[in-house]
Amino acid sequence: MQQRHIARLGRDVSEIGLGCWQLGGDWGDVDDSAAMGVLHAAVDAGVTFLDTADVYGDGRSEQFIGRFLRERPSDDLFVATKMGRRLPQELGNYSLANFRAWHDRSRANLGVDRLDLVQLHCPPDDVFASDEVFDALDTLVAEERIGAYGVSIETVSQGMSALQRPDLATLQVIYNAFRQKPMDELLPMAHAAGVGVIARVPLASGLLTGKYNADTTFPADDHRNYNRGGEAFDVGETFAGVPFEVGLAAVEKLRPLVPGGATMAQWALRWILAADPVSVIIPGARNAEQARANVAAADLPPLSAEDIKTVKAVYDSDVRPHVQARW
């Protein structure tokens, strides 16, 4: 596994990590055995970066990771978690007292004294402009409750605001073949500043696996069922904000680019790896086989210049009208 350096964290991380939302919930049922199998398979394959949040399964994802850390104490793993969605997302709730309470809960779930990285979990716009919020985060670093902090964002404009904070360590953003806007300006700026870029939703909630068709259905407890219109949280988190039918049609235009012996999911991850500013990609997995397959994407050869042009053309013609202006 290739490593990429994050200057503001002062360490290297695996270029493909593991997103652990699936281990908590909102993707259908993942039982205890499967969740632990995913973690073992990913780390055995070279993953060193695990991303979770305190609300994934109301702490279930963090608890699985905590159990895993106890089982494998000698592995040099980096765990990023998130906070800020346990209360209504209003500026007044982003207080030092709430931060400490949320951190105490995450530390207990993970079984650690200090959290490696804590990210504000897609907060509203006014949080990015609040000196008090970032002063509170600086306090947590000074108290050695956390090693560093970052933000997970919905929009490019939020990311540009966050980059004004001198101690920001990481920026987590949706980036994939169906959400290309961040590369126009945001990601190069973050990279130049030494801020780590964590690419989430890399497979557009599975659209870019090429496994779905117009007849595909999802369980009632899967966000790809209940959040297609943004009913529960930002619609950009579900299929990267691309209408399902539009995404299916775009996938068929991209499918011929997938090389023999590779899956479309691996090809889509390899496309992201071509972006130098990306520090780590965090695909999720529902089973050990998926986790191993995701990591194997790093072994694919780079896309040709012609294929990259084709991806851009499909984005511009099919996808851009649905996502570019919104996020």
C-alpha atoms as a PDB file:
ATOM      1  CA  MET A   1       0.000   0.000   0.000  1.00  0.00           C
ATOM      2  CA  GLN A   2       1.387   3.391  -0.968  1.00  0.00           C
ATOM      3  CA  GLN A   3       1.520   6.011   1.774  1.00  0.00           C
ATOM      4  CA  ARG A   4       0.705   9.699   1.438  1.00  0.00           C
ATOM      5  CA  HIS A   5       2.011  12.362   3.801  1.00  0.00           C
ATOM      6  CA  ILE A   6      -0.276  14.789   5.623  1.00  0.00           C
ATOM      7  CA  ALA A   7       1.934  17.692   6.645  1.00  0.00           C
ATOM      8  CA  ARG A   8      -0.337  19.130   9.335  1.00  0.00           C
ATOM      9  CA  LEU A   9      -0.682  15.713  10.963  1.00  0.00           C
ATOM     10  CA  GLY A  10       3.026  15.037  10.632  1.00  0.00           C
ATOM     11  CA  ARG A  11       2.479  11.477   9.478  1.00  0.00           C
ATOM     12  CA  ASP A  12       1.846   9.204   6.526  1.00  0.00           C
ATOM     13  CA  VAL A  13      -1.401   7.348   5.959  1.00  0.00           C
ATOM     14  CA  SER A  14      -2.414   4.621   3.532  1.00  0.00           C
ATOM     15  CA  GLU A  15      -3.751   6.128   0.310  1.00  0.00           C
ATOM     16  CA  ILE A  16      -6.805   3.900   0.622  1.00  0.00           C
ATOM     17  CA  GLY A  17      -8.384   3.834   4.055  1.00  0.00           C
ATOM     18  CA  LEU A  18     -11.652   2.466   5.386  1.00  0.00           C
ATOM     19  CA  GLY A  19     -14.864   4.403   5.873  1.00  0.00           C
ATOM     20  CA  CYS A  20     -16.736   2.840   8.775  1.00  0.00           C
ATOM     21  CA  TRP A  21     -20.232   4.300   8.346  1.00  0.00           C
ATOM     22  CA  GLN A  22     -21.484   0.917   7.120  1.00  0.00           C
ATOM     23  CA  LEU A  23     -20.340  -0.730  10.346  1.00  0.00           C
ATOM     24  CA  GLY A  24     -22.686   1.477  12.342  1.00  0.00           C
ATOM     25  CA  GLY A  25     -25.857   1.645  10.281  1.00  0.00           C
ATOM     26  CA  ASP A  26     -27.814   3.348   7.492  1.00  0.00           C
ATOM     27  CA  TRP A  27     -26.634   0.793   4.899  1.00  0.00           C
ATOM     28  CA  GLY A  28     -28.788  -2.146   5.874  1.00  0.00           C
ATOM     29  CA  ASP A  29     -27.777  -4.712   8.475  1.00  0.00           C
ATOM     30  CA  VAL A  30     -24.100  -5.514   9.072  1.00  0.00           C
ATOM     31  CA  ASP A  31     -23.705  -8.019  11.895  1.00  0.00           C
ATOM     32  CA  ASP A  32     -20.889  -8.108  14.450  1.00  0.00           C
ATOM     33  CA  SER A  33     -18.932 -10.847  12.710  1.00  0.00           C
ATOM     34  CA  ALA A  34     -19.055  -9.103   9.335  1.00  0.00           C
ATOM     35  CA  ALA A  35     -18.051  -5.753  10.861  1.00  0.00           C
ATOM     36  CA  MET A  36     -14.989  -7.205  12.563  1.00  0.00           C
ATOM     37  CA  GLY A  37     -14.165  -9.150   9.402  1.00  0.00           C
ATOM     38  CA  VAL A  38     -14.143  -5.915   7.406  1.00  0.00           C
ATOM     39  CA  LEU A  39     -11.721  -4.286   9.843  1.00  0.00           C
ATOM     40  CA  HIS A  40      -9.342  -7.246   9.892  1.00  0.00           C
ATOM     41  CA  ALA A  41      -9.373  -7.648   6.106  1.00  0.00           C
ATOM     42  CA  ALA A  42      -8.753  -3.946   5.474  1.00  0.00           C
ATOM     43  CA  VAL A  43      -5.839  -3.675   7.898  1.00  0.00           C
ATOM     44  CA  ASP A  44      -4.339  -6.983   6.742  1.00  0.00           C
ATOM     45  CA  ALA A  45      -4.358  -5.506   3.217  1.00  0.00           C
ATOM     46  CA  GLY A  46      -2.421  -2.420   4.321  1.00  0.00           C
ATOM     47  CA  VAL A  47      -5.036   0.093   5.484  1.00  0.00           C
ATOM     48  CA  THR A  48      -3.810   2.332   8.309  1.00  0.00           C
ATOM     49  CA  PHE A  49      -6.534   5.026   8.265  1.00  0.00           C
ATOM     50  CA  LEU A  50      -9.992   4.363   9.729  1.00  0.00           C
ATOM     51  CA  ASP A  51     -12.750   6.991   9.542  1.00  0.00           C
ATOM     52  CA  THR A  52     -15.847   6.908  11.735  1.00  0.00           C
ATOM     53  CA  ALA A  53     -18.246   9.213  13.623  1.00  0.00           C
ATOM     54  CA  ASP A  54     -19.945   9.272  16.990  1.00  0.00           C
ATOM     55  CA  VAL A  55     -23.391   9.024  15.373  1.00  0.00           C
ATOM     56  CA  TYR A  56     -22.727   6.010  13.137  1.00  0.00           C
ATOM     57  CA  GLY A  57     -25.061   3.522  14.751  1.00  0.00           C
ATOM     58  CA  ASP A  58     -25.128   5.801  17.824  1.00  0.00           C
ATOM     59  CA  GLY A  59     -21.541   4.815  18.588  1.00  0.00           C
ATOM     60  CA  ARG A  60     -21.669   1.238  17.248  1.00  0.00           C
ATOM     61  CA  SER A  61     -19.036   1.946  14.594  1.00  0.00           C
ATOM     62  CA  GLU A  62     -16.657   3.479  17.134  1.00  0.00           C
ATOM     63  CA  GLN A  63     -17.199   0.513  19.452  1.00  0.00           C
ATOM     64  CA  PHE A  64     -16.258  -1.966  16.734  1.00  0.00           C
ATOM     65  CA  ILE A  65     -13.075  -0.006  16.094  1.00  0.00           C
ATOM     66  CA  GLY A  66     -12.319   0.119  19.822  1.00  0.00           C
ATOM     67  CA  ARG A  67     -12.680  -3.651  20.016  1.00  0.00           C
ATOM     68  CA  PHE A  68     -10.425  -4.018  16.985  1.00  0.00           C
ATOM     69  CA  LEU A  69      -7.753  -1.765  18.516  1.00  0.00           C
ATOM     70  CA  ARG A  70      -7.735  -3.954  21.607  1.00  0.00           C
ATOM     71  CA  GLU A  71      -7.373  -7.087  19.482  1.00  0.00           C
ATOM     72  CA  ARG A  72      -4.472  -5.627  17.483  1.00  0.00           C
ATOM     73  CA  PRO A  73      -2.615  -3.204  19.759  1.00  0.00           C
ATOM     74  CA  SER A  74       0.638  -3.370  17.802  1.00  0.00           C
ATOM     75  CA  ASP A  75      -0.792  -2.073  14.512  1.00  0.00           C
ATOM     76  CA  ASP A  76       0.099   1.545  13.765  1.00  0.00           C
ATOM     77  CA  LEU A  77      -3.435   2.708  12.995  1.00  0.00           C
ATOM     78  CA  PHE A  78      -4.820   6.224  12.759  1.00  0.00           C
ATOM     79  CA  VAL A  79      -8.468   6.708  13.729  1.00  0.00           C
ATOM     80  CA  ALA A  80     -10.434   9.752  12.643  1.00  0.00           C
ATOM     81  CA  THR A  81     -13.845  10.339  14.180  1.00  0.00           C
ATOM     82  CA  LYS A  82     -16.417  13.122  13.919  1.00  0.00           C
ATOM     83  CA  MET A  83     -18.704  15.100  16.195  1.00  0.00           C
ATOM     84  CA  GLY A  84     -21.479  17.656  15.996  1.00  0.00           C
ATOM     85  CA  ARG A  85     -24.604  15.737  15.011  1.00  0.00           C
ATOM     86  CA  ARG A  86     -25.770  14.580  18.420  1.00  0.00           C
ATOM     87  CA  LEU A  87     -27.752  17.810  18.879  1.00  0.00           C
ATOM     88  CA  PRO A  88     -29.539  20.113  16.432  1.00  0.00           C
ATOM     89  CA  GLN A  89     -26.963  21.701  14.161  1.00  0.00           C
ATOM     90  CA  GLU A  90     -27.182  25.194  15.577  1.00  0.00           C
ATOM     91  CA  LEU A  91     -24.186  27.390  16.302  1.00  0.00           C
ATOM     92  CA  GLY A  92     -24.905  27.518  20.048  1.00  0.00           C
ATOM     93  CA  ASN A  93     -24.511  23.756  20.342  1.00  0.00           C
ATOM     94  CA  TYR A  94     -20.907  23.882  19.098  1.00  0.00           C
ATOM     95  CA  SER A  95     -19.589  24.737  22.558  1.00  0.00           C
ATOM     96  CA  LEU A  96     -16.523  23.637  24.479  1.00  0.00           C
ATOM     97  CA  ALA A  97     -18.727  21.901  27.068  1.00  0.00           C
ATOM     98  CA  ASN A  98     -20.523  19.871  24.409  1.00  0.00           C
ATOM     99  CA  PHE A  99     -17.236  19.107  22.659  1.00  0.00           C
ATOM    100  CA  ARG A 100     -15.804  17.688  25.899  1.00  0.00           C
ATOM    101  CA  ALA A 101     -18.906  15.573  26.492  1.00  0.00           C
ATOM    102  CA  TRP A 102     -18.878  14.211  22.947  1.00  0.00           C
ATOM    103  CA  HIS A 103     -15.155  13.511  23.154  1.00  0.00           C
ATOM    104  CA  ASP A 104     -15.546  11.643  26.430  1.00  0.00           C
ATOM    105  CA  ARG A 105     -18.146   9.424  24.774  1.00  0.00           C
ATOM    106  CA  SER A 106     -15.958   8.761  21.726  1.00  0.00           C
ATOM    107  CA  ARG A 107     -12.916   8.075  23.876  1.00  0.00           C
ATOM    108  CA  ALA A 108     -14.915   5.522  25.857  1.00  0.00           C
ATOM    109  CA  ASN A 109     -16.239   3.909  22.670  1.00  0.00           C
ATOM    110  CA  LEU A 110     -12.766   3.700  21.141  1.00  0.00           C
ATOM    111  CA  GLY A 111     -10.995   2.826  24.390  1.00  0.00           C
ATOM    112  CA  VAL A 112      -8.351   5.537  24.025  1.00  0.00           C
ATOM    113  CA  ASP A 113      -7.233   8.494  26.137  1.00  0.00           C
ATOM    114  CA  ARG A 114      -6.605  10.792  23.186  1.00  0.00           C
ATOM    115  CA  LEU A 115      -8.430  10.913  19.879  1.00  0.00           C
ATOM    116  CA  ASP A 116      -6.083  11.050  16.876  1.00  0.00           C
ATOM    117  CA  LEU A 117      -8.305  13.328  14.807  1.00  0.00           C
ATOM    118  CA  VAL A 118     -11.737  14.825  15.429  1.00  0.00           C
ATOM    119  CA  GLN A 119     -13.680  16.401  12.581  1.00  0.00           C
ATOM    120  CA  LEU A 120     -16.669  18.694  12.799  1.00  0.00           C
ATOM    121  CA  HIS A 121     -19.360  16.615  11.110  1.00  0.00           C
ATOM    122  CA  CYS A 122     -20.744  18.706   8.224  1.00  0.00           C
ATOM    123  CA  PRO A 123     -21.689  21.712  10.354  1.00  0.00           C
ATOM    124  CA  PRO A 124     -23.799  24.649   9.139  1.00  0.00           C
ATOM    125  CA  ASP A 125     -22.192  27.631   7.430  1.00  0.00           C
ATOM    126  CA  ASP A 126     -22.097  29.903  10.488  1.00  0.00           C
ATOM    127  CA  VAL A 127     -19.872  27.465  12.375  1.00  0.00           C
ATOM    128  CA  PHE A 128     -17.027  28.048   9.910  1.00  0.00           C
ATOM    129  CA  ALA A 129     -17.100  31.776  10.672  1.00  0.00           C
ATOM    130  CA  SER A 130     -17.047  31.350  14.472  1.00  0.00           C
ATOM    131  CA  ASP A 131     -13.753  32.104  16.210  1.00  0.00           C
ATOM    132  CA  GLU A 132     -15.217  30.637  19.410  1.00  0.00           C
ATOM    133  CA  VAL A 133     -15.726  27.237  17.814  1.00  0.00           C
ATOM    134  CA  PHE A 134     -12.164  27.010  16.578  1.00  0.00           C
ATOM    135  CA  ASP A 135     -10.807  28.406  19.858  1.00  0.00           C
ATOM    136  CA  ALA A 136     -12.615  25.526  21.574  1.00  0.00           C
ATOM    137  CA  LEU A 137     -10.989  23.039  19.219  1.00  0.00           C
ATOM    138  CA  ASP A 138      -7.579  24.586  19.936  1.00  0.00           C
ATOM    139  CA  THR A 139      -8.307  24.157  23.641  1.00  0.00           C
ATOM    140  CA  LEU A 140      -8.976  20.451  23.173  1.00  0.00           C
ATOM    141  CA  VAL A 141      -5.625  20.061  21.421  1.00  0.00           C
ATOM    142  CA  ALA A 142      -3.894  21.965  24.229  1.00  0.00           C
ATOM    143  CA  GLU A 143      -5.585  19.707  26.786  1.00  0.00           C
ATOM    144  CA  GLU A 144      -4.324  16.686  24.802  1.00  0.00           C
ATOM    145  CA  ARG A 145      -7.844  15.342  24.439  1.00  0.00           C
ATOM    146  CA  ILE A 146      -7.303  15.285  20.670  1.00  0.00           C
ATOM    147  CA  GLY A 147      -4.220  15.199  18.513  1.00  0.00           C
ATOM    148  CA  ALA A 148      -5.638  17.373  15.752  1.00  0.00           C
ATOM    149  CA  TYR A 149      -8.899  18.559  14.254  1.00  0.00           C
ATOM    150  CA  GLY A 150     -10.463  18.863  10.838  1.00  0.00           C
ATOM    151  CA  VAL A 151     -13.809  19.461   9.199  1.00  0.00           C
ATOM    152  CA  SER A 152     -16.081  17.367   7.041  1.00  0.00           C
ATOM    153  CA  ILE A 153     -17.845  19.631   4.566  1.00  0.00           C
ATOM    154  CA  GLU A 154     -20.738  19.602   2.152  1.00  0.00           C
ATOM    155  CA  THR A 155     -19.821  22.539  -0.102  1.00  0.00           C
ATOM    156  CA  VAL A 156     -16.694  23.940  -1.670  1.00  0.00           C
ATOM    157  CA  SER A 157     -17.431  27.332  -0.128  1.00  0.00           C
ATOM    158  CA  GLN A 158     -17.390  25.767   3.348  1.00  0.00           C
ATOM    159  CA  GLY A 159     -14.029  24.240   2.545  1.00  0.00           C
ATOM    160  CA  MET A 160     -12.602  27.560   1.433  1.00  0.00           C
ATOM    161  CA  SER A 161     -13.731  29.101   4.734  1.00  0.00           C
ATOM    162  CA  ALA A 162     -12.207  26.261   6.731  1.00  0.00           C
ATOM    163  CA  LEU A 163      -8.836  26.689   5.033  1.00  0.00           C
ATOM    164  CA  GLN A 164      -8.568  30.127   6.627  1.00  0.00           C
ATOM    165  CA  ARG A 165      -8.061  28.406   9.999  1.00  0.00           C
ATOM    166  CA  PRO A 166      -4.300  28.062  10.540  1.00  0.00           C
ATOM    167  CA  ASP A 167      -4.452  24.914  12.676  1.00  0.00           C
ATOM    168  CA  LEU A 168      -6.883  22.966  10.533  1.00  0.00           C
ATOM    169  CA  ALA A 169      -5.295  19.573   9.870  1.00  0.00           C
ATOM    170  CA  THR A 170      -7.705  17.885   7.462  1.00  0.00           C
ATOM    171  CA  LEU A 171     -10.565  18.542   5.096  1.00  0.00           C
ATOM    172  CA  GLN A 172     -13.038  15.760   4.319  1.00  0.00           C
ATOM    173  CA  VAL A 173     -15.077  16.221   1.152  1.00  0.00           C
ATOM    174  CA  ILE A 174     -17.119  14.223  -1.337  1.00  0.00           C
ATOM    175  CA  TYR A 175     -14.884  13.647  -4.348  1.00  0.00           C
ATOM    176  CA  ASN A 176     -15.440  11.116  -7.102  1.00  0.00           C
ATOM    177  CA  ALA A 177     -16.014  10.922 -10.861  1.00  0.00           C
ATOM    178  CA  PHE A 178     -19.515  12.318 -10.286  1.00  0.00           C
ATOM    179  CA  ARG A 179     -18.389  15.158  -7.966  1.00  0.00           C
ATOM    180  CA  GLN A 180     -15.401  16.805  -9.637  1.00  0.00           C
ATOM    181  CA  LYS A 181     -15.830  20.438  -8.565  1.00  0.00           C
ATOM    182  CA  PRO A 182     -13.498  20.233  -5.508  1.00  0.00           C
ATOM    183  CA  MET A 183     -10.507  19.717  -7.799  1.00  0.00           C
ATOM    184  CA  ASP A 184     -11.080  23.031  -9.567  1.00  0.00           C
ATOM    185  CA  GLU A 185      -9.646  25.071  -6.688  1.00  0.00           C
ATOM    186  CA  LEU A 186     -10.312  23.681  -3.205  1.00  0.00           C
ATOM    187  CA  LEU A 187      -8.180  20.544  -3.184  1.00  0.00           C
ATOM    188  CA  PRO A 188      -5.073  22.152  -4.714  1.00  0.00           C
ATOM    189  CA  MET A 189      -5.300  24.943  -2.117  1.00  0.00           C
ATOM    190  CA  ALA A 190      -5.608  22.451   0.728  1.00  0.00           C
ATOM    191  CA  HIS A 191      -2.648  20.445  -0.567  1.00  0.00           C
ATOM    192  CA  ALA A 192      -0.493  23.563  -0.887  1.00  0.00           C
ATOM    193  CA  ALA A 193      -1.288  24.458   2.731  1.00  0.00           C
ATOM    194  CA  GLY A 194      -0.357  21.014   4.027  1.00  0.00           C
ATOM    195  CA  VAL A 195      -3.966  20.185   4.906  1.00  0.00           C
ATOM    196  CA  GLY A 196      -4.876  16.550   4.430  1.00  0.00           C
ATOM    197  CA  VAL A 197      -7.684  15.761   1.988  1.00  0.00           C
ATOM    198  CA  ILE A 198      -9.967  12.848   2.895  1.00  0.00           C
ATOM    199  CA  ALA A 199     -12.106  11.808  -0.088  1.00  0.00           C
ATOM    200  CA  ARG A 200     -15.426  10.386   1.048  1.00  0.00           C
ATOM    201  CA  VAL A 201     -18.356   8.840  -0.872  1.00  0.00           C
ATOM    202  CA  PRO A 202     -15.786   7.740  -3.472  1.00  0.00           C
ATOM    203  CA  LEU A 203     -18.182   5.297  -5.152  1.00  0.00           C
ATOM    204  CA  ALA A 204     -21.224   7.600  -5.064  1.00  0.00           C
ATOM    205  CA  SER A 205     -23.015   5.308  -2.575  1.00  0.00           C
ATOM    206  CA  GLY A 206     -22.409   2.362  -4.845  1.00  0.00           C
ATOM    207  CA  LEU A 207     -23.459   3.912  -8.156  1.00  0.00           C
ATOM    208  CA  LEU A 208     -19.857   3.756  -9.369  1.00  0.00           C
ATOM    209  CA  THR A 209     -19.619   0.055  -8.631  1.00  0.00           C
ATOM    210  CA  GLY A 210     -21.700  -0.553 -11.765  1.00  0.00           C
ATOM    211  CA  LYS A 211     -23.758  -3.156  -9.893  1.00  0.00           C
ATOM    212  CA  TYR A 212     -27.108  -1.347  -9.878  1.00  0.00           C
ATOM    213  CA  ASN A 213     -29.872  -1.044 -12.442  1.00  0.00           C
ATOM    214  CA  ALA A 214     -33.330   0.490 -12.635  1.00  0.00           C
ATOM    215  CA  ASP A 215     -34.815  -2.477 -10.770  1.00  0.00           C
ATOM    216  CA  THR A 216     -32.425  -2.287  -7.798  1.00  0.00           C
ATOM    217  CA  THR A 217     -34.138  -1.718  -4.449  1.00  0.00           C
ATOM    218  CA  PHE A 218     -32.621  -0.948  -1.051  1.00  0.00           C
ATOM    219  CA  PRO A 219     -33.763  -1.898   2.471  1.00  0.00           C
ATOM    220  CA  ALA A 220     -35.953   0.491   4.425  1.00  0.00           C
ATOM    221  CA  ASP A 221     -33.071   1.258   6.837  1.00  0.00           C
ATOM    222  CA  ASP A 222     -30.650   2.084   4.002  1.00  0.00           C
ATOM    223  CA  HIS A 223     -30.131   5.800   3.285  1.00  0.00           C
ATOM    224  CA  ARG A 224     -30.194   5.008  -0.436  1.00  0.00           C
ATOM    225  CA  ASN A 225     -33.869   4.335   0.144  1.00  0.00           C
ATOM    226  CA  TYR A 226     -34.945   6.937   2.710  1.00  0.00           C
ATOM    227  CA  ASN A 227     -32.672   9.884   1.828  1.00  0.00           C
ATOM    228  CA  ARG A 228     -32.927  10.149  -1.947  1.00  0.00           C
ATOM    229  CA  GLY A 229     -34.565  13.543  -1.628  1.00  0.00           C
ATOM    230  CA  GLY A 230     -32.521  14.692   1.358  1.00  0.00           C
ATOM    231  CA  GLU A 231     -35.237  13.792   3.861  1.00  0.00           C
ATOM    232  CA  ALA A 232     -32.802  12.843   6.658  1.00  0.00           C
ATOM    233  CA  PHE A 233     -29.559  14.706   5.836  1.00  0.00           C
ATOM    234  CA  ASP A 234     -27.885  16.429   2.920  1.00  0.00           C
ATOM    235  CA  VAL A 235     -28.919  14.689  -0.281  1.00  0.00           C
ATOM    236  CA  GLY A 236     -25.339  14.972  -1.529  1.00  0.00           C
ATOM    237  CA  GLU A 237     -24.410  12.128   0.821  1.00  0.00           C
ATOM    238  CA  THR A 238     -26.685   9.748  -1.118  1.00  0.00           C
ATOM    239  CA  PHE A 239     -25.467   8.821  -4.610  1.00  0.00           C
ATOM    240  CA  ALA A 240     -23.278  11.973  -4.342  1.00  0.00           C
ATOM    241  CA  GLY A 241     -26.420  14.005  -5.050  1.00  0.00           C
ATOM    242  CA  VAL A 242     -26.855  12.538  -8.540  1.00  0.00           C
ATOM    243  CA  PRO A 243     -30.402  11.394  -9.373  1.00  0.00           C
ATOM    244  CA  PHE A 244     -30.319   7.609  -9.418  1.00  0.00           C
ATOM    245  CA  GLU A 245     -31.471   7.214 -13.016  1.00  0.00           C
ATOM    246  CA  VAL A 246     -29.012   9.866 -14.233  1.00  0.00           C
ATOM    247  CA  GLY A 247     -26.188   8.079 -12.458  1.00  0.00           C
ATOM    248  CA  LEU A 248     -27.126   4.733 -13.968  1.00  0.00           C
ATOM    249  CA  ALA A 249     -26.972   6.191 -17.484  1.00  0.00           C
ATOM    250  CA  ALA A 250     -23.611   7.860 -16.833  1.00  0.00           C
ATOM    251  CA  VAL A 251     -22.177   4.636 -15.451  1.00  0.00           C
ATOM    252  CA  GLU A 252     -22.971   2.852 -18.707  1.00  0.00           C
ATOM    253  CA  LYS A 253     -20.963   5.463 -20.610  1.00  0.00           C
ATOM    254  CA  LEU A 254     -17.999   4.905 -18.296  1.00  0.00           C
ATOM    255  CA  ARG A 255     -18.170   1.123 -18.139  1.00  0.00           C
ATOM    256  CA  PRO A 256     -16.116   0.561 -21.346  1.00  0.00           C
ATOM    257  CA  LEU A 257     -13.150   2.298 -19.670  1.00  0.00           C
ATOM    258  CA  VAL A 258     -12.799  -0.397 -16.996  1.00  0.00           C
ATOM    259  CA  PRO A 259      -9.778  -2.582 -17.813  1.00  0.00           C
ATOM    260  CA  GLY A 260     -10.009  -6.340 -17.974  1.00  0.00           C
ATOM    261  CA  GLY A 261      -9.532  -8.045 -14.636  1.00  0.00           C
ATOM    262  CA  ALA A 262     -10.717  -4.996 -12.656  1.00  0.00           C
ATOM    263  CA  THR A 263     -14.098  -4.111 -11.253  1.00  0.00           C
ATOM    264  CA  MET A 264     -15.754  -0.802 -11.948  1.00  0.00           C
ATOM    265  CA  ALA A 265     -15.450   0.063  -8.251  1.00  0.00           C
ATOM    266  CA  GLN A 266     -11.683  -0.449  -8.384  1.00  0.00           C
ATOM    267  CA  TRP A 267     -11.462   1.643 -11.537  1.00  0.00           C
ATOM    268  CA  ALA A 268     -13.446   4.465  -9.879  1.00  0.00           C
ATOM    269  CA  LEU A 269     -11.109   4.436  -6.866  1.00  0.00           C
ATOM    270  CA  ARG A 270      -8.073   4.435  -9.145  1.00  0.00           C
ATOM    271  CA  TRP A 271      -9.477   7.532 -10.884  1.00  0.00           C
ATOM    272  CA  ILE A 272      -9.445   9.356  -7.535  1.00  0.00           C
ATOM    273  CA  LEU A 273      -5.881   8.266  -6.773  1.00  0.00           C
ATOM    274  CA  ALA A 274      -4.733  10.227  -9.813  1.00  0.00           C
ATOM    275  CA  ALA A 275      -5.417  13.404  -7.833  1.00  0.00           C
ATOM    276  CA  ASP A 276      -2.221  14.334  -6.015  1.00  0.00           C
ATOM    277  CA  PRO A 277      -3.994  16.531  -3.425  1.00  0.00           C
ATOM    278  CA  VAL A 278      -6.001  13.553  -2.142  1.00  0.00           C
ATOM    279  CA  SER A 279      -4.351  12.134   0.971  1.00  0.00           C
ATOM    280  CA  VAL A 280      -6.630   9.156   1.568  1.00  0.00           C
ATOM    281  CA  ILE A 281      -9.795   7.678   0.084  1.00  0.00           C
ATOM    282  CA  ILE A 282     -12.283   6.137   2.516  1.00  0.00           C
ATOM    283  CA  PRO A 283     -14.507   3.620   0.721  1.00  0.00           C
ATOM    284  CA  GLY A 284     -16.762   1.586   2.966  1.00  0.00           C
ATOM    285  CA  ALA A 285     -17.276  -2.155   2.880  1.00  0.00           C
ATOM    286  CA  ARG A 286     -20.006  -4.502   4.053  1.00  0.00           C
ATOM    287  CA  ASN A 287     -17.816  -7.608   4.088  1.00  0.00           C
ATOM    288  CA  ALA A 288     -14.177  -8.656   4.043  1.00  0.00           C
ATOM    289  CA  GLU A 289     -14.178  -9.395   0.326  1.00  0.00           C
ATOM    290  CA  GLN A 290     -15.251  -5.836  -0.487  1.00  0.00           C
ATOM    291  CA  ALA A 291     -12.602  -4.428   1.836  1.00  0.00           C
ATOM    292  CA  ARG A 292      -9.845  -6.401   0.120  1.00  0.00           C
ATOM    293  CA  ALA A 293     -11.138  -5.491  -3.340  1.00  0.00           C
ATOM    294  CA  ASN A 294     -11.117  -1.783  -2.491  1.00  0.00           C
ATOM    295  CA  VAL A 295      -7.483  -1.920  -1.429  1.00  0.00           C
ATOM    296  CA  ALA A 296      -6.550  -3.789  -4.621  1.00  0.00           C
ATOM    297  CA  ALA A 297      -7.585  -0.711  -6.613  1.00  0.00           C
ATOM    298  CA  ALA A 298      -4.217   0.804  -5.725  1.00  0.00           C
ATOM    299  CA  ASP A 299      -2.516  -1.866  -7.842  1.00  0.00           C
ATOM    300  CA  LEU A 300      -4.261  -0.846 -11.072  1.00  0.00           C
ATOM    301  CA  PRO A 301      -2.273   1.154 -13.638  1.00  0.00           C
ATOM    302  CA  PRO A 302      -3.108   4.864 -13.926  1.00  0.00           C
ATOM    303  CA  LEU A 303      -5.869   5.892 -16.296  1.00  0.00           C
ATOM    304  CA  SER A 304      -4.737   7.048 -19.717  1.00  0.00           C
ATOM    305  CA  ALA A 305      -5.031  10.688 -20.689  1.00  0.00           C
ATOM    306  CA  GLU A 306      -7.764   9.730 -23.155  1.00  0.00           C
ATOM    307  CA  ASP A 307      -9.769   7.925 -20.473  1.00  0.00           C
ATOM    308  CA  ILE A 308      -9.464  10.908 -18.142  1.00  0.00           C
ATOM    309  CA  LYS A 309     -10.840  13.119 -20.906  1.00  0.00           C
ATOM    310  CA  THR A 310     -13.767  10.750 -21.367  1.00  0.00           C
ATOM    311  CA  VAL A 311     -14.591  10.808 -17.651  1.00  0.00           C
ATOM    312  CA  LYS A 312     -14.583  14.602 -17.735  1.00  0.00           C
ATOM    313  CA  ALA A 313     -16.806  14.655 -20.827  1.00  0.00           C
ATOM    314  CA  VAL A 314     -19.370  12.338 -19.227  1.00  0.00           C
ATOM    315  CA  TYR A 315     -19.332  14.449 -16.081  1.00  0.00           C
ATOM    316  CA  ASP A 316     -19.828  17.651 -18.049  1.00  0.00           C
ATOM    317  CA  SER A 317     -22.657  16.329 -20.195  1.00  0.00           C
ATOM    318  CA  ASP A 318     -24.589  14.115 -17.781  1.00  0.00           C
ATOM    319  CA  VAL A 319     -23.729  14.939 -14.179  1.00  0.00           C
ATOM    320  CA  ARG A 320     -22.526  18.531 -13.897  1.00  0.00           C
ATOM    321  CA  PRO A 321     -26.001  20.092 -14.345  1.00  0.00           C
ATOM    322  CA  HIS A 322     -27.206  18.227 -11.226  1.00  0.00           C
ATOM    323  CA  VAL A 323     -24.307  18.849  -8.827  1.00  0.00           C
ATOM    324  CA  GLN A 324     -21.842  21.554  -9.848  1.00  0.00           C
ATOM    325  CA  ALA A 325     -23.760  24.627  -8.688  1.00  0.00           C
ATOM    326  CA  ARG A 326     -25.237  23.031  -5.568  1.00  0.00           C
ATOM    327  CA  TRP A 327     -22.083  21.827  -3.830  1.00  0.00           C
END
